[in-house]
Amino acid sequence: MTHYKIVLLLMFSFMIQGCSDTSHGIYRSDFVIKHPLSNQPLSGVPYKIISPDGTIIKGKTDKNGLTAEATSKKPGEFILTLIPAGEL
């Protein structure tokens, strides 16, 4: 079983790091993906973020497990989904 499949089988812990700038009407969020047992950041994990205004961002986490920052002019939930590398 590949490392990626093992990681997907484990339950991830997500530490959501986000902020909002209501004075300019811009909302933003990013995520750090960490291993649930070791609490270490996971690099190279493919993901998709859907912002409240429907914008879709796809990428891979950096060496610190961090995703790209997603922005929206509408308030609401930013939805993070882990995806297969082939969907990038």
PDB file of N, CA and C in Angstrom:
ATOM      1  N   MET A   1       0.855  -1.167   0.000  1.00  0.00           N
ATOM      2  CA  MET A   1       0.000   0.000   0.000  1.00  0.00           C
ATOM      3  C   MET A   1       0.909   1.240   0.000  1.00  0.00           C
ATOM      4  N   THR A   2       0.614   2.206  -0.846  1.00  0.00           N
ATOM      5  CA  THR A   2       1.463   3.390  -0.941  1.00  0.00           C
ATOM      6  C   THR A   2       1.301   4.274   0.286  1.00  0.00           C
ATOM      7  N   HIS A   3       2.299   5.122   0.494  1.00  0.00           N
ATOM      8  CA  HIS A   3       2.280   6.058   1.619  1.00  0.00           C
ATOM      9  C   HIS A   3       1.028   6.926   1.549  1.00  0.00           C
ATOM     10  N   TYR A   4       0.681   7.375   0.343  1.00  0.00           N
ATOM     11  CA  TYR A   4      -0.497   8.242   0.165  1.00  0.00           C
ATOM     12  C   TYR A   4      -1.772   7.537   0.616  1.00  0.00           C
ATOM     13  N   LYS A   5      -1.934   6.275   0.242  1.00  0.00           N
ATOM     14  CA  LYS A   5      -3.132   5.536   0.639  1.00  0.00           C
ATOM     15  C   LYS A   5      -3.181   5.326   2.141  1.00  0.00           C
ATOM     16  N   ILE A   6      -2.038   5.062   2.747  1.00  0.00           N
ATOM     17  CA  ILE A   6      -1.985   4.882   4.198  1.00  0.00           C
ATOM     18  C   ILE A   6      -2.394   6.175   4.884  1.00  0.00           C
ATOM     19  N   VAL A   7      -1.876   7.281   4.369  1.00  0.00           N
ATOM     20  CA  VAL A   7      -2.206   8.575   4.952  1.00  0.00           C
ATOM     21  C   VAL A   7      -3.702   8.845   4.833  1.00  0.00           C
ATOM     22  N   LEU A   8      -4.287   8.509   3.678  1.00  0.00           N
ATOM     23  CA  LEU A   8      -5.721   8.735   3.503  1.00  0.00           C
ATOM     24  C   LEU A   8      -6.552   7.856   4.417  1.00  0.00           C
ATOM     25  N   LEU A   9      -6.048   6.671   4.744  1.00  0.00           N
ATOM     26  CA  LEU A   9      -6.791   5.779   5.622  1.00  0.00           C
ATOM     27  C   LEU A   9      -6.784   6.262   7.065  1.00  0.00           C
ATOM     28  N   LEU A  10      -5.754   6.999   7.413  1.00  0.00           N
ATOM     29  CA  LEU A  10      -5.692   7.534   8.775  1.00  0.00           C
ATOM     30  C   LEU A  10      -6.590   8.757   8.881  1.00  0.00           C
ATOM     31  N   MET A  11      -7.057   8.982  10.052  1.00  0.00           N
ATOM     32  CA  MET A  11      -7.868  10.182  10.271  1.00  0.00           C
ATOM     33  C   MET A  11      -6.931  11.372  10.443  1.00  0.00           C
ATOM     34  N   PHE A  12      -7.093  12.379   9.588  1.00  0.00           N
ATOM     35  CA  PHE A  12      -6.241  13.555   9.645  1.00  0.00           C
ATOM     36  C   PHE A  12      -6.743  14.522  10.709  1.00  0.00           C
ATOM     37  N   SER A  13      -5.793  15.237  11.257  1.00  0.00           N
ATOM     38  CA  SER A  13      -6.180  16.355  12.113  1.00  0.00           C
ATOM     39  C   SER A  13      -5.837  17.621  11.334  1.00  0.00           C
ATOM     40  N   PHE A  14      -6.774  18.517  11.277  1.00  0.00           N
ATOM     41  CA  PHE A  14      -6.587  19.761  10.539  1.00  0.00           C
ATOM     42  C   PHE A  14      -6.513  20.906  11.524  1.00  0.00           C
ATOM     43  N   MET A  15      -5.485  21.688  11.410  1.00  0.00           N
ATOM     44  CA  MET A  15      -5.415  22.900  12.195  1.00  0.00           C
ATOM     45  C   MET A  15      -5.719  24.031  11.229  1.00  0.00           C
ATOM     46  N   ILE A  16      -6.846  24.649  11.421  1.00  0.00           N
ATOM     47  CA  ILE A  16      -7.261  25.706  10.507  1.00  0.00           C
ATOM     48  C   ILE A  16      -6.657  27.011  10.979  1.00  0.00           C
ATOM     49  N   GLN A  17      -5.896  27.627  10.101  1.00  0.00           N
ATOM     50  CA  GLN A  17      -5.337  28.924  10.388  1.00  0.00           C
ATOM     51  C   GLN A  17      -5.943  29.893   9.387  1.00  0.00           C
ATOM     52  N   GLY A  18      -6.790  30.729   9.835  1.00  0.00           N
ATOM     53  CA  GLY A  18      -7.438  31.656   8.927  1.00  0.00           C
ATOM     54  C   GLY A  18      -7.589  33.014   9.561  1.00  0.00           C
ATOM     55  N   CYS A  19      -7.883  33.957   8.735  1.00  0.00           N
ATOM     56  CA  CYS A  19      -8.163  35.285   9.242  1.00  0.00           C
ATOM     57  C   CYS A  19      -9.158  35.945   8.300  1.00  0.00           C
ATOM     58  N   SER A  20      -9.797  36.951   8.785  1.00  0.00           N
ATOM     59  CA  SER A  20     -10.713  37.687   7.918  1.00  0.00           C
ATOM     60  C   SER A  20     -10.413  39.168   8.037  1.00  0.00           C
ATOM     61  N   ASP A  21     -10.584  39.843   6.964  1.00  0.00           N
ATOM     62  CA  ASP A  21     -10.366  41.279   6.921  1.00  0.00           C
ATOM     63  C   ASP A  21     -11.697  41.898   6.530  1.00  0.00           C
ATOM     64  N   THR A  22     -12.540  42.128   7.531  1.00  0.00           N
ATOM     65  CA  THR A  22     -13.878  42.628   7.241  1.00  0.00           C
ATOM     66  C   THR A  22     -13.881  44.086   6.828  1.00  0.00           C
ATOM     67  N   SER A  23     -12.831  44.820   7.149  1.00  0.00           N
ATOM     68  CA  SER A  23     -12.803  46.232   6.763  1.00  0.00           C
ATOM     69  C   SER A  23     -12.732  46.382   5.246  1.00  0.00           C
ATOM     70  N   HIS A  24     -12.158  45.416   4.573  1.00  0.00           N
ATOM     71  CA  HIS A  24     -12.069  45.441   3.116  1.00  0.00           C
ATOM     72  C   HIS A  24     -13.000  44.424   2.460  1.00  0.00           C
ATOM     73  N   GLY A  25     -13.757  43.693   3.268  1.00  0.00           N
ATOM     74  CA  GLY A  25     -14.681  42.699   2.729  1.00  0.00           C
ATOM     75  C   GLY A  25     -14.007  41.493   2.116  1.00  0.00           C
ATOM     76  N   ILE A  26     -12.782  41.200   2.554  1.00  0.00           N
ATOM     77  CA  ILE A  26     -12.049  40.045   2.039  1.00  0.00           C
ATOM     78  C   ILE A  26     -11.901  39.035   3.174  1.00  0.00           C
ATOM     79  N   TYR A  27     -12.233  37.797   2.877  1.00  0.00           N
ATOM     80  CA  TYR A  27     -12.086  36.711   3.839  1.00  0.00           C
ATOM     81  C   TYR A  27     -11.052  35.748   3.293  1.00  0.00           C
ATOM     82  N   ARG A  28     -10.203  35.247   4.159  1.00  0.00           N
ATOM     83  CA  ARG A  28      -9.164  34.337   3.694  1.00  0.00           C
ATOM     84  C   ARG A  28      -8.919  33.241   4.720  1.00  0.00           C
ATOM     85  N   SER A  29      -8.446  32.125   4.212  1.00  0.00           N
ATOM     86  CA  SER A  29      -8.161  30.989   5.077  1.00  0.00           C
ATOM     87  C   SER A  29      -7.090  30.127   4.434  1.00  0.00           C
ATOM     88  N   ASP A  30      -6.286  29.512   5.273  1.00  0.00           N
ATOM     89  CA  ASP A  30      -5.350  28.493   4.822  1.00  0.00           C
ATOM     90  C   ASP A  30      -5.379  27.366   5.851  1.00  0.00           C
ATOM     91  N   PHE A  31      -4.768  26.258   5.513  1.00  0.00           N
ATOM     92  CA  PHE A  31      -4.826  25.076   6.358  1.00  0.00           C
ATOM     93  C   PHE A  31      -3.432  24.490   6.515  1.00  0.00           C
ATOM     94  N   VAL A  32      -3.196  23.862   7.661  1.00  0.00           N
ATOM     95  CA  VAL A  32      -1.994  23.061   7.882  1.00  0.00           C
ATOM     96  C   VAL A  32      -2.472  21.631   8.079  1.00  0.00           C
ATOM     97  N   ILE A  33      -1.944  20.714   7.280  1.00  0.00           N
ATOM     98  CA  ILE A  33      -2.334  19.307   7.386  1.00  0.00           C
ATOM     99  C   ILE A  33      -1.243  18.572   8.165  1.00  0.00           C
ATOM    100  N   LYS A  34      -1.668  17.946   9.267  1.00  0.00           N
ATOM    101  CA  LYS A  34      -0.723  17.249  10.143  1.00  0.00           C
ATOM    102  C   LYS A  34      -1.145  15.799  10.330  1.00  0.00           C
ATOM    103  N   HIS A  35      -0.170  14.956  10.574  1.00  0.00           N
ATOM    104  CA  HIS A  35      -0.420  13.551  10.880  1.00  0.00           C
ATOM    105  C   HIS A  35      -1.058  13.473  12.268  1.00  0.00           C
ATOM    106  N   PRO A  36      -2.136  12.697  12.422  1.00  0.00           N
ATOM    107  CA  PRO A  36      -2.846  12.666  13.705  1.00  0.00           C
ATOM    108  C   PRO A  36      -2.062  12.038  14.856  1.00  0.00           C
ATOM    109  N   LEU A  37      -1.122  11.165  14.556  1.00  0.00           N
ATOM    110  CA  LEU A  37      -0.376  10.511  15.632  1.00  0.00           C
ATOM    111  C   LEU A  37       0.890  11.264  16.001  1.00  0.00           C
ATOM    112  N   SER A  38       1.629  11.706  14.995  1.00  0.00           N
ATOM    113  CA  SER A  38       2.899  12.377  15.265  1.00  0.00           C
ATOM    114  C   SER A  38       2.744  13.889  15.369  1.00  0.00           C
ATOM    115  N   ASN A  39       1.639  14.413  14.887  1.00  0.00           N
ATOM    116  CA  ASN A  39       1.380  15.857  14.847  1.00  0.00           C
ATOM    117  C   ASN A  39       2.385  16.591  13.956  1.00  0.00           C
ATOM    118  N   GLN A  40       3.067  15.856  13.097  1.00  0.00           N
ATOM    119  CA  GLN A  40       4.031  16.458  12.174  1.00  0.00           C
ATOM    120  C   GLN A  40       3.316  16.912  10.910  1.00  0.00           C
ATOM    121  N   PRO A  41       3.728  18.059  10.348  1.00  0.00           N
ATOM    122  CA  PRO A  41       3.129  18.524   9.096  1.00  0.00           C
ATOM    123  C   PRO A  41       3.393  17.528   7.967  1.00  0.00           C
ATOM    124  N   LEU A  42       2.424  17.390   7.067  1.00  0.00           N
ATOM    125  CA  LEU A  42       2.560  16.479   5.929  1.00  0.00           C
ATOM    126  C   LEU A  42       2.783  17.301   4.661  1.00  0.00           C
ATOM    127  N   SER A  43       3.911  17.087   4.020  1.00  0.00           N
ATOM    128  CA  SER A  43       4.219  17.815   2.790  1.00  0.00           C
ATOM    129  C   SER A  43       3.787  17.021   1.570  1.00  0.00           C
ATOM    130  N   GLY A  44       3.476  17.736   0.495  1.00  0.00           N
ATOM    131  CA  GLY A  44       3.157  17.102  -0.772  1.00  0.00           C
ATOM    132  C   GLY A  44       1.785  16.448  -0.837  1.00  0.00           C
ATOM    133  N   VAL A  45       0.878  16.795   0.074  1.00  0.00           N
ATOM    134  CA  VAL A  45      -0.467  16.209   0.077  1.00  0.00           C
ATOM    135  C   VAL A  45      -1.353  17.008  -0.889  1.00  0.00           C
ATOM    136  N   PRO A  46      -1.932  16.361  -1.903  1.00  0.00           N
ATOM    137  CA  PRO A  46      -2.810  17.063  -2.842  1.00  0.00           C
ATOM    138  C   PRO A  46      -4.143  17.446  -2.175  1.00  0.00           C
ATOM    139  N   TYR A  47      -4.605  18.639  -2.464  1.00  0.00           N
ATOM    140  CA  TYR A  47      -5.831  19.131  -1.845  1.00  0.00           C
ATOM    141  C   TYR A  47      -6.619  20.015  -2.809  1.00  0.00           C
ATOM    142  N   LYS A  48      -7.857  20.279  -2.414  1.00  0.00           N
ATOM    143  CA  LYS A  48      -8.712  21.233  -3.115  1.00  0.00           C
ATOM    144  C   LYS A  48      -9.418  22.056  -2.047  1.00  0.00           C
ATOM    145  N   ILE A  49      -9.429  23.377  -2.224  1.00  0.00           N
ATOM    146  CA  ILE A  49     -10.156  24.266  -1.323  1.00  0.00           C
ATOM    147  C   ILE A  49     -11.247  24.948  -2.140  1.00  0.00           C
ATOM    148  N   ILE A  50     -12.469  24.912  -1.621  1.00  0.00           N
ATOM    149  CA  ILE A  50     -13.571  25.646  -2.233  1.00  0.00           C
ATOM    150  C   ILE A  50     -13.917  26.785  -1.292  1.00  0.00           C
ATOM    151  N   SER A  51     -13.828  28.009  -1.802  1.00  0.00           N
ATOM    152  CA  SER A  51     -14.116  29.182  -0.985  1.00  0.00           C
ATOM    153  C   SER A  51     -15.619  29.466  -0.992  1.00  0.00           C
ATOM    154  N   PRO A  52     -16.096  30.303  -0.071  1.00  0.00           N
ATOM    155  CA  PRO A  52     -17.529  30.599  -0.011  1.00  0.00           C
ATOM    156  C   PRO A  52     -18.111  31.177  -1.304  1.00  0.00           C
ATOM    157  N   ASP A  53     -17.287  31.852  -2.100  1.00  0.00           N
ATOM    158  CA  ASP A  53     -17.797  32.407  -3.361  1.00  0.00           C
ATOM    159  C   ASP A  53     -17.683  31.422  -4.526  1.00  0.00           C
ATOM    160  N   GLY A  54     -17.243  30.174  -4.228  1.00  0.00           N
ATOM    161  CA  GLY A  54     -17.181  29.130  -5.241  1.00  0.00           C
ATOM    162  C   GLY A  54     -15.839  28.976  -5.941  1.00  0.00           C
ATOM    163  N   THR A  55     -14.883  29.828  -5.614  1.00  0.00           N
ATOM    164  CA  THR A  55     -13.547  29.710  -6.204  1.00  0.00           C
ATOM    165  C   THR A  55     -12.900  28.405  -5.751  1.00  0.00           C
ATOM    166  N   ILE A  56     -12.262  27.694  -6.686  1.00  0.00           N
ATOM    167  CA  ILE A  56     -11.599  26.423  -6.382  1.00  0.00           C
ATOM    168  C   ILE A  56     -10.090  26.601  -6.535  1.00  0.00           C
ATOM    169  N   ILE A  57      -9.368  26.184  -5.508  1.00  0.00           N
ATOM    170  CA  ILE A  57      -7.903  26.205  -5.538  1.00  0.00           C
ATOM    171  C   ILE A  57      -7.434  24.775  -5.337  1.00  0.00           C
ATOM    172  N   LYS A  58      -6.540  24.314  -6.215  1.00  0.00           N
ATOM    173  CA  LYS A  58      -5.943  22.981  -6.076  1.00  0.00           C
ATOM    174  C   LYS A  58      -4.438  23.138  -5.930  1.00  0.00           C
ATOM    175  N   GLY A  59      -3.849  22.240  -5.169  1.00  0.00           N
ATOM    176  CA  GLY A  59      -2.403  22.285  -5.002  1.00  0.00           C
ATOM    177  C   GLY A  59      -1.927  21.158  -4.115  1.00  0.00           C
ATOM    178  N   LYS A  60      -0.659  21.266  -3.716  1.00  0.00           N
ATOM    179  CA  LYS A  60      -0.044  20.325  -2.775  1.00  0.00           C
ATOM    180  C   LYS A  60       0.506  21.128  -1.606  1.00  0.00           C
ATOM    181  N   THR A  61       0.442  20.538  -0.422  1.00  0.00           N
ATOM    182  CA  THR A  61       0.971  21.229   0.746  1.00  0.00           C
ATOM    183  C   THR A  61       2.476  21.421   0.612  1.00  0.00           C
ATOM    184  N   ASP A  62       2.978  22.494   1.209  1.00  0.00           N
ATOM    185  CA  ASP A  62       4.414  22.769   1.160  1.00  0.00           C
ATOM    186  C   ASP A  62       5.149  21.946   2.219  1.00  0.00           C
ATOM    187  N   LYS A  63       6.428  22.210   2.414  1.00  0.00           N
ATOM    188  CA  LYS A  63       7.230  21.411   3.346  1.00  0.00           C
ATOM    189  C   LYS A  63       6.756  21.545   4.788  1.00  0.00           C
ATOM    190  N   ASN A  64       5.965  22.575   5.077  1.00  0.00           N
ATOM    191  CA  ASN A  64       5.418  22.782   6.419  1.00  0.00           C
ATOM    192  C   ASN A  64       3.968  22.311   6.537  1.00  0.00           C
ATOM    193  N   GLY A  65       3.468  21.600   5.510  1.00  0.00           N
ATOM    194  CA  GLY A  65       2.096  21.109   5.520  1.00  0.00           C
ATOM    195  C   GLY A  65       1.057  22.173   5.220  1.00  0.00           C
ATOM    196  N   LEU A  66       1.490  23.343   4.778  1.00  0.00           N
ATOM    197  CA  LEU A  66       0.612  24.485   4.553  1.00  0.00           C
ATOM    198  C   LEU A  66       0.044  24.500   3.141  1.00  0.00           C
ATOM    199  N   THR A  67      -1.250  24.826   3.055  1.00  0.00           N
ATOM    200  CA  THR A  67      -1.895  24.999   1.749  1.00  0.00           C
ATOM    201  C   THR A  67      -1.715  26.449   1.298  1.00  0.00           C
ATOM    202  N   ALA A  68      -2.116  26.717   0.087  1.00  0.00           N
ATOM    203  CA  ALA A  68      -2.160  28.099  -0.390  1.00  0.00           C
ATOM    204  C   ALA A  68      -3.285  28.824   0.351  1.00  0.00           C
ATOM    205  N   GLU A  69      -3.202  30.132   0.385  1.00  0.00           N
ATOM    206  CA  GLU A  69      -4.263  30.914   1.008  1.00  0.00           C
ATOM    207  C   GLU A  69      -5.422  31.083   0.032  1.00  0.00           C
ATOM    208  N   ALA A  70      -6.619  30.786   0.491  1.00  0.00           N
ATOM    209  CA  ALA A  70      -7.822  30.965  -0.319  1.00  0.00           C
ATOM    210  C   ALA A  70      -8.500  32.249   0.133  1.00  0.00           C
ATOM    211  N   THR A  71      -9.051  33.001  -0.821  1.00  0.00           N
ATOM    212  CA  THR A  71      -9.736  34.244  -0.482  1.00  0.00           C
ATOM    213  C   THR A  71     -11.144  34.245  -1.058  1.00  0.00           C
ATOM    214  N   SER A  72     -11.984  35.066  -0.447  1.00  0.00           N
ATOM    215  CA  SER A  72     -13.365  35.186  -0.890  1.00  0.00           C
ATOM    216  C   SER A  72     -13.894  36.554  -0.499  1.00  0.00           C
ATOM    217  N   LYS A  73     -14.770  37.097  -1.302  1.00  0.00           N
ATOM    218  CA  LYS A  73     -15.441  38.349  -0.941  1.00  0.00           C
ATOM    219  C   LYS A  73     -16.721  38.081  -0.165  1.00  0.00           C
ATOM    220  N   LYS A  74     -17.113  36.793  -0.095  1.00  0.00           N
ATOM    221  CA  LYS A  74     -18.302  36.395   0.648  1.00  0.00           C
ATOM    222  C   LYS A  74     -17.876  35.674   1.922  1.00  0.00           C
ATOM    223  N   PRO A  75     -18.539  35.935   3.039  1.00  0.00           N
ATOM    224  CA  PRO A  75     -18.230  35.171   4.251  1.00  0.00           C
ATOM    225  C   PRO A  75     -18.788  33.752   4.146  1.00  0.00           C
ATOM    226  N   GLY A  76     -18.257  32.862   4.923  1.00  0.00           N
ATOM    227  CA  GLY A  76     -18.741  31.483   4.929  1.00  0.00           C
ATOM    228  C   GLY A  76     -17.619  30.505   5.161  1.00  0.00           C
ATOM    229  N   GLU A  77     -17.916  29.234   4.950  1.00  0.00           N
ATOM    230  CA  GLU A  77     -16.940  28.172   5.183  1.00  0.00           C
ATOM    231  C   GLU A  77     -16.024  27.976   3.982  1.00  0.00           C
ATOM    232  N   PHE A  78     -14.759  27.768   4.278  1.00  0.00           N
ATOM    233  CA  PHE A  78     -13.790  27.318   3.283  1.00  0.00           C
ATOM    234  C   PHE A  78     -13.706  25.810   3.454  1.00  0.00           C
ATOM    235  N   ILE A  79     -13.924  25.069   2.376  1.00  0.00           N
ATOM    236  CA  ILE A  79     -13.986  23.605   2.460  1.00  0.00           C
ATOM    237  C   ILE A  79     -12.711  22.998   1.884  1.00  0.00           C
ATOM    238  N   LEU A  80     -12.013  22.250   2.717  1.00  0.00           N
ATOM    239  CA  LEU A  80     -10.789  21.567   2.306  1.00  0.00           C
ATOM    240  C   LEU A  80     -11.104  20.106   2.045  1.00  0.00           C
ATOM    241  N   THR A  81     -10.661  19.611   0.878  1.00  0.00           N
ATOM    242  CA  THR A  81     -10.826  18.203   0.516  1.00  0.00           C
ATOM    243  C   THR A  81      -9.488  17.663   0.058  1.00  0.00           C
ATOM    244  N   LEU A  82      -9.109  16.487   0.553  1.00  0.00           N
ATOM    245  CA  LEU A  82      -7.902  15.821   0.062  1.00  0.00           C
ATOM    246  C   LEU A  82      -8.282  15.083  -1.202  1.00  0.00           C
ATOM    247  N   ILE A  83      -7.454  15.194  -2.229  1.00  0.00           N
ATOM    248  CA  ILE A  83      -7.768  14.614  -3.525  1.00  0.00           C
ATOM    249  C   ILE A  83      -6.615  13.749  -4.020  1.00  0.00           C
ATOM    250  N   PRO A  84      -6.866  12.837  -4.970  1.00  0.00           N
ATOM    251  CA  PRO A  84      -5.786  12.074  -5.582  1.00  0.00           C
ATOM    252  C   PRO A  84      -4.890  13.012  -6.402  1.00  0.00           C
ATOM    253  N   ALA A  85      -3.619  12.700  -6.485  1.00  0.00           N
ATOM    254  CA  ALA A  85      -2.663  13.533  -7.221  1.00  0.00           C
ATOM    255  C   ALA A  85      -3.068  13.700  -8.686  1.00  0.00           C
ATOM    256  N   GLY A  86      -3.738  12.729  -9.261  1.00  0.00           N
ATOM    257  CA  GLY A  86      -4.168  12.797 -10.648  1.00  0.00           C
ATOM    258  C   GLY A  86      -5.201  13.870 -10.921  1.00  0.00           C
ATOM    259  N   GLU A  87      -5.833  14.399  -9.881  1.00  0.00           N
ATOM    260  CA  GLU A  87      -6.849  15.433 -10.059  1.00  0.00           C
ATOM    261  C   GLU A  87      -6.274  16.839 -10.045  1.00  0.00           C
ATOM    262  N   LEU A  88      -4.976  16.949  -9.876  1.00  0.00           N
ATOM    263  CA  LEU A  88      -4.359  18.293  -9.871  1.00  0.00           C
ATOM    264  C   LEU A  88      -4.285  18.862 -11.257  1.00  0.00           C
TER     265      LEU A  88
END
